[in-house]
Amino acid sequence: MKKITVLSELRSEFSGLIERMQKFIAAFTTKNPKPVFCAMVALMLCSLLLCFTLLRLENPTVPKKTKLLKEFEGNLGEIGTTAGKLQRVLEIRSALEVLLAKDSLDKKDSLLMEQMLAEIDRSMTTKK
C-alpha cells in the first residue's frame, strides 16, 4: 500500500507542470550554456563582494543592545539574591514562631532569638 503524503499529492497534481518546467530549463541551458555560466560566475562574484564589503559593516546600535542586556542580566542576579534572602527570612520567621510558642524561654532560646533577629537585620541592609 502506497503512503499518501502532502508532497506525493503535490507531485501527482503538478507533475505535468513540473515536467514541462524541467524540459524548458534543460532546453534553455543546452541552447545557451555560455550566458548561463557567465550568470553563475557573476552571481558568485557579487556574493563574494557582498560578503567582504557591505555585509562586514558593523551596526552602531549593537553596543546599546548588549549594554541593556548586561544591565538586565545583572538585575536578574539581584533578583535571585533577593529571593534567597527572602526564603531565609521566612525560615527564620518560622523558627521564631516556634520559639515564641513556648511557655517559658531560657537563656539559650533568648540568645538564639537575638541571633536570628540580627541575621534578619543583616539581610535587610543592602550594600552598594
Protein backbone atom coordinates (compact mmCIF):
# COMPACT_ATOMS: atom_id res chain seq x y z
CA MET A 1 0.00 0.00 0.00
CA LYS A 2 1.41 3.37 -1.04
CA LYS A 3 1.71 6.03 1.66
CA ILE A 4 -0.06 9.26 0.73
CA THR A 5 1.65 12.45 1.87
CA VAL A 6 1.26 16.11 1.05
CA LEU A 7 4.42 16.01 -1.06
CA SER A 8 3.25 12.98 -3.05
CA GLU A 9 -0.14 14.63 -3.67
CA LEU A 10 1.51 17.85 -4.85
CA ARG A 11 3.84 15.86 -7.08
CA SER A 12 0.93 13.98 -8.65
CA GLU A 13 -1.16 17.15 -9.04
CA PHE A 14 1.56 19.27 -10.64
CA SER A 15 3.59 16.53 -12.35
CA GLY A 16 2.77 17.83 -15.84
CA LEU A 17 3.78 21.39 -14.96
CA ILE A 18 6.98 20.22 -13.25
CA GLU A 19 7.99 18.09 -16.26
CA ARG A 20 7.38 20.99 -18.67
CA MET A 21 9.43 23.33 -16.44
CA GLN A 22 12.30 20.83 -16.30
CA LYS A 23 12.25 20.39 -20.10
CA PHE A 24 12.22 24.15 -20.61
CA ILE A 25 15.19 24.68 -18.25
CA ALA A 26 17.13 21.81 -19.82
CA ALA A 27 16.48 23.17 -23.35
CA PHE A 28 17.44 26.73 -22.33
CA THR A 29 20.72 25.65 -20.70
CA THR A 30 21.54 23.41 -23.66
CA LYS A 31 20.93 26.23 -26.14
CA ASN A 32 22.69 28.95 -24.09
CA PRO A 33 25.46 27.39 -21.99
CA LYS A 34 27.76 30.42 -22.15
CA PRO A 35 25.28 33.00 -20.75
CA VAL A 36 24.19 30.57 -18.02
CA PHE A 37 27.82 30.02 -17.00
CA CYS A 38 28.53 33.78 -17.09
CA ALA A 39 25.45 34.45 -14.95
CA MET A 40 26.60 31.86 -12.41
CA VAL A 41 30.08 33.38 -12.21
CA ALA A 42 28.64 36.91 -11.94
CA LEU A 43 26.37 35.84 -9.09
CA MET A 44 29.29 34.22 -7.26
CA LEU A 45 31.41 37.38 -7.68
CA CYS A 46 28.55 39.53 -6.38
CA SER A 47 28.21 37.23 -3.41
CA LEU A 48 31.94 37.42 -2.73
CA LEU A 49 31.84 41.21 -2.99
CA LEU A 50 28.92 41.46 -0.61
CA CYS A 51 30.48 39.07 1.89
CA PHE A 52 33.69 41.02 2.26
CA THR A 53 32.43 44.60 1.91
CA LEU A 54 28.84 45.59 2.55
CA LEU A 55 27.89 42.78 4.91
CA ARG A 56 31.00 43.39 7.07
CA LEU A 57 29.85 46.83 8.27
CA GLU A 58 29.18 46.98 12.00
CA ASN A 59 25.85 48.18 13.24
CA PRO A 60 26.27 51.06 15.74
CA THR A 61 23.11 50.11 17.67
CA VAL A 62 24.51 46.71 18.73
CA PRO A 63 26.55 48.01 21.73
CA LYS A 64 23.43 49.68 23.15
CA LYS A 65 21.55 46.40 22.98
CA THR A 66 24.35 44.46 24.64
CA LYS A 67 24.68 47.14 27.33
CA LEU A 68 20.96 46.88 28.02
CA LEU A 69 21.20 43.09 28.05
CA LYS A 70 24.10 43.17 30.54
CA GLU A 71 22.13 45.51 32.78
CA PHE A 72 19.15 43.18 32.57
CA GLU A 73 21.29 40.14 33.40
CA GLY A 74 22.76 41.99 36.38
CA ASN A 75 19.28 42.72 37.64
CA LEU A 76 18.36 39.06 37.27
CA GLY A 77 21.23 38.14 39.57
CA GLU A 78 20.00 40.65 42.13
CA ILE A 79 16.51 39.17 41.89
CA GLY A 80 17.93 35.72 42.62
CA THR A 81 19.87 37.05 45.60
CA THR A 82 16.79 38.82 46.94
CA ALA A 83 14.71 35.67 46.54
CA GLY A 84 17.32 33.70 48.50
CA LYS A 85 17.31 36.29 51.28
CA LEU A 86 13.52 36.25 51.41
CA GLN A 87 13.48 32.49 51.68
CA ARG A 88 15.98 32.64 54.56
CA VAL A 89 13.88 35.30 56.33
CA LEU A 90 10.81 33.08 56.03
CA GLU A 91 12.76 30.17 57.54
CA ILE A 92 13.89 32.37 60.43
CA ARG A 93 10.33 33.59 60.94
CA SER A 94 9.00 30.06 61.26
CA ALA A 95 11.78 29.23 63.74
CA LEU A 96 10.94 32.36 65.75
CA GLU A 97 7.27 31.40 65.82
CA VAL A 98 8.23 28.03 67.26
CA LEU A 99 10.32 29.74 69.94
CA LEU A 100 7.55 32.23 70.76
CA ALA A 101 5.03 29.42 71.13
CA LYS A 102 6.98 28.05 74.11
CA ASP A 103 5.61 28.79 77.56
CA SER A 104 8.95 29.79 79.01
CA LEU A 105 12.24 30.76 77.41
CA ASP A 106 15.65 30.06 78.83
CA LYS A 107 18.89 31.94 78.19
CA LYS A 108 19.79 29.71 75.24
CA ASP A 109 16.47 30.46 73.50
CA SER A 110 16.93 34.19 74.08
CA LEU A 111 20.40 34.12 72.52
CA LEU A 112 19.08 32.14 69.54
CA MET A 113 16.28 34.66 69.02
CA GLU A 114 18.76 37.51 69.22
CA GLN A 115 20.99 35.87 66.60
CA MET A 116 18.02 35.29 64.29
CA LEU A 117 16.88 38.90 64.55
CA ALA A 118 20.45 40.09 63.88
CA GLU A 119 20.60 37.87 60.80
CA ILE A 120 17.32 39.37 59.54
CA ASP A 121 18.73 42.88 60.08
CA ARG A 122 21.91 41.95 58.17
CA SER A 123 19.94 40.54 55.26
CA MET A 124 17.74 43.64 55.02
CA THR A 125 20.64 46.07 54.74
CA THR A 126 21.89 46.39 51.15
CA LYS A 127 25.45 47.30 50.28
CA LYS A 128 26.09 49.14 47.03
